[in-house]
Protein backbone atom coordinates (compact mmCIF):
# COMPACT_ATOMS: atom_id res chain seq x y z
CA MET A 1 -28.48 62.68 -9.07
CA ASP A 2 -28.28 58.92 -9.60
CA MET A 3 -31.52 57.63 -11.12
CA GLU A 4 -32.66 54.43 -12.71
CA ARG A 5 -33.43 54.56 -16.41
CA ASP A 6 -34.45 51.79 -18.74
CA GLU A 7 -32.57 50.88 -21.93
CA PHE A 8 -34.23 53.80 -23.75
CA GLY A 9 -33.23 56.40 -21.14
CA VAL A 10 -36.71 56.64 -19.57
CA CYS A 11 -36.98 57.38 -15.83
CA ALA A 12 -38.21 54.27 -14.00
CA SER A 13 -40.25 56.36 -11.54
CA CYS A 14 -42.25 58.65 -13.82
CA GLY A 15 -41.42 57.84 -17.43
CA ALA A 16 -39.61 61.10 -18.21
CA MET A 17 -37.16 60.76 -21.07
CA GLU A 18 -33.66 62.22 -21.04
CA GLY A 19 -33.89 66.05 -21.02
CA MET A 20 -37.58 66.09 -19.96
CA LYS A 21 -38.90 67.33 -16.65
CA HIS A 22 -39.92 64.71 -14.09
CA MET A 23 -43.50 64.43 -12.82
CA ARG A 24 -44.30 66.08 -9.46
CA ASN A 25 -44.80 62.74 -7.74
CA CYS A 26 -41.47 61.39 -9.05
CA GLU A 27 -38.66 60.92 -6.55
CA HIS A 28 -36.35 62.79 -8.97
CA TYR A 29 -38.58 65.87 -9.24
CA PRO A 30 -36.60 68.83 -7.77
CA LYS A 31 -37.83 69.68 -4.28
CA PRO A 32 -38.34 73.38 -3.48
CA ALA A 33 -36.07 74.83 -0.81
CA LEU A 34 -37.68 74.61 2.60
CA ASP A 35 -38.59 78.03 3.95
CA VAL A 36 -38.11 77.45 7.67
CA GLY A 37 -39.15 80.99 8.60
CA ALA A 38 -42.38 81.16 6.59
CA HIS A 39 -44.57 80.74 9.66
CA TYR A 40 -43.20 84.03 11.06
CA ARG A 41 -44.06 86.16 8.06
CA TRP A 42 -47.65 87.14 8.68
CA GLU A 43 -49.02 90.41 7.54
CA ILE A 44 -52.16 92.38 7.89
CA ARG A 45 -52.98 95.23 5.55
CA ARG A 46 -55.05 98.24 6.44
CA ARG A 47 -55.88 101.29 4.38
CA ILE A 48 -54.10 104.39 5.68
CA THR A 49 -56.21 107.52 5.89
CA ASP A 50 -55.09 111.15 5.65
CA THR A 51 -55.65 111.40 9.42
CA ASP A 52 -53.28 108.47 9.99
CA ILE A 53 -50.64 110.14 7.84
CA ALA A 54 -51.02 113.46 9.67
CA ARG A 55 -50.83 111.68 13.04
CA GLY A 56 -47.81 109.66 11.92
CA TRP A 57 -49.01 106.23 13.04
CA VAL A 58 -51.70 103.61 12.54
CA ARG A 59 -53.37 101.60 15.25
CA VAL A 60 -54.04 97.90 14.68
CA LYS A 61 -55.54 95.99 17.59
CA LEU A 62 -53.64 92.75 18.14
CA ASP A 63 -56.15 90.74 20.09
CA PRO A 64 -55.65 86.95 20.20
CA TYR A 65 -58.49 86.29 17.77
CA ARG A 66 -57.02 88.61 15.10
CA ILE A 67 -53.57 87.06 15.59
CA CYS A 68 -55.07 83.57 15.20
CA ARG A 69 -56.89 84.62 12.04
CA VAL A 70 -53.79 86.20 10.49
CA ALA A 71 -51.64 83.18 11.47
CA GLY A 72 -54.18 80.78 10.00
CA VAL A 73 -54.98 79.11 13.31
CA GLY A 74 -58.42 77.55 13.00
CA GLY A 75 -61.00 77.62 15.76
CA GLY A 76 -61.54 75.06 18.45
CA PRO A 77 -58.93 73.90 20.93
CA HIS A 78 -55.99 75.05 18.78
CA GLU A 79 -57.25 78.65 18.86
CA HIS A 80 -58.19 78.35 22.53
CA ALA A 81 -54.70 77.18 23.55
CA THR A 82 -53.10 79.89 21.41
CA LYS A 83 -55.31 82.53 23.03
CA LYS A 84 -54.33 81.36 26.51
CA LEU A 85 -50.63 81.43 25.68
CA LEU A 86 -50.85 84.87 24.07
CA ARG A 87 -52.74 86.20 27.06
CA GLY A 88 -50.01 84.96 29.35
CA GLU A 89 -50.25 86.05 32.94
CA ALA A 90 -52.18 89.23 32.09
CA LYS A 91 -55.39 87.99 33.77
CA GLY A 92 -53.66 87.30 37.06
CA HIS A 93 -52.99 83.62 36.47
CA GLU A 94 -49.66 82.27 37.59
CA ALA A 95 -47.38 80.70 35.00
CA ARG A 96 -47.98 77.14 36.23
CA GLU A 97 -51.76 77.59 36.03
CA LEU A 98 -51.40 79.02 32.52
CA ILE A 99 -49.36 75.98 31.47
CA ARG A 100 -51.95 73.60 32.95
CA GLU A 101 -54.80 75.36 31.11
CA ALA A 102 -52.96 75.41 27.78
CA ARG A 103 -51.95 71.77 28.20
CA ALA A 104 -55.59 70.84 28.91
CA CYS A 105 -56.62 72.52 25.63
CA LEU A 106 -53.92 70.67 23.71
CA ASP A 107 -54.80 67.34 25.37
CA ARG A 108 -58.44 67.80 24.38
CA TRP A 109 -57.41 68.64 20.82
CA GLN A 110 -55.38 65.43 20.68
CA GLU A 111 -58.38 63.47 22.04
CA MET A 112 -60.56 64.98 19.32
CA LEU A 113 -58.08 63.92 16.63
CA ASP A 114 -58.02 60.39 18.08
CA GLU A 115 -61.84 60.31 18.14
CA ASP A 116 -61.96 61.47 14.51
CA GLU A 117 -59.49 58.75 13.47
CA GLU A 118 -61.51 56.09 15.30
CA GLU A 119 -64.72 57.30 13.63
CA ALA A 120 -63.07 57.29 10.20
CA ALA A 121 -61.78 53.73 10.77
CA CYS A 122 -65.35 52.54 11.49
CA ARG A 123 -66.67 53.77 8.14
């Protein structure tokens, strides 16, 4: 890695000397490998009872709210859009109507973010 050092061998970005570790905010600090699949590795743990073992299976209800909680999806329009997409056409809605409803949730979420930015700029 090509880095600028002064005449004493000190990193110009963070001040680390030769052989020392760079500071976290330094451009030369080693970046961790990006885990592109991390958002798919959710887990939920549940205590298994003797009855579950005897039966051979465990039931975990996967309703949209539990999935959102496990996936770290906060409330509000983000959760609402996720719920609609998870529900799919199960409530008798056609695919195009489902897309319109989910898009409306996402549009409102974007409006809320814009409103928050405008409010913060006025402070």
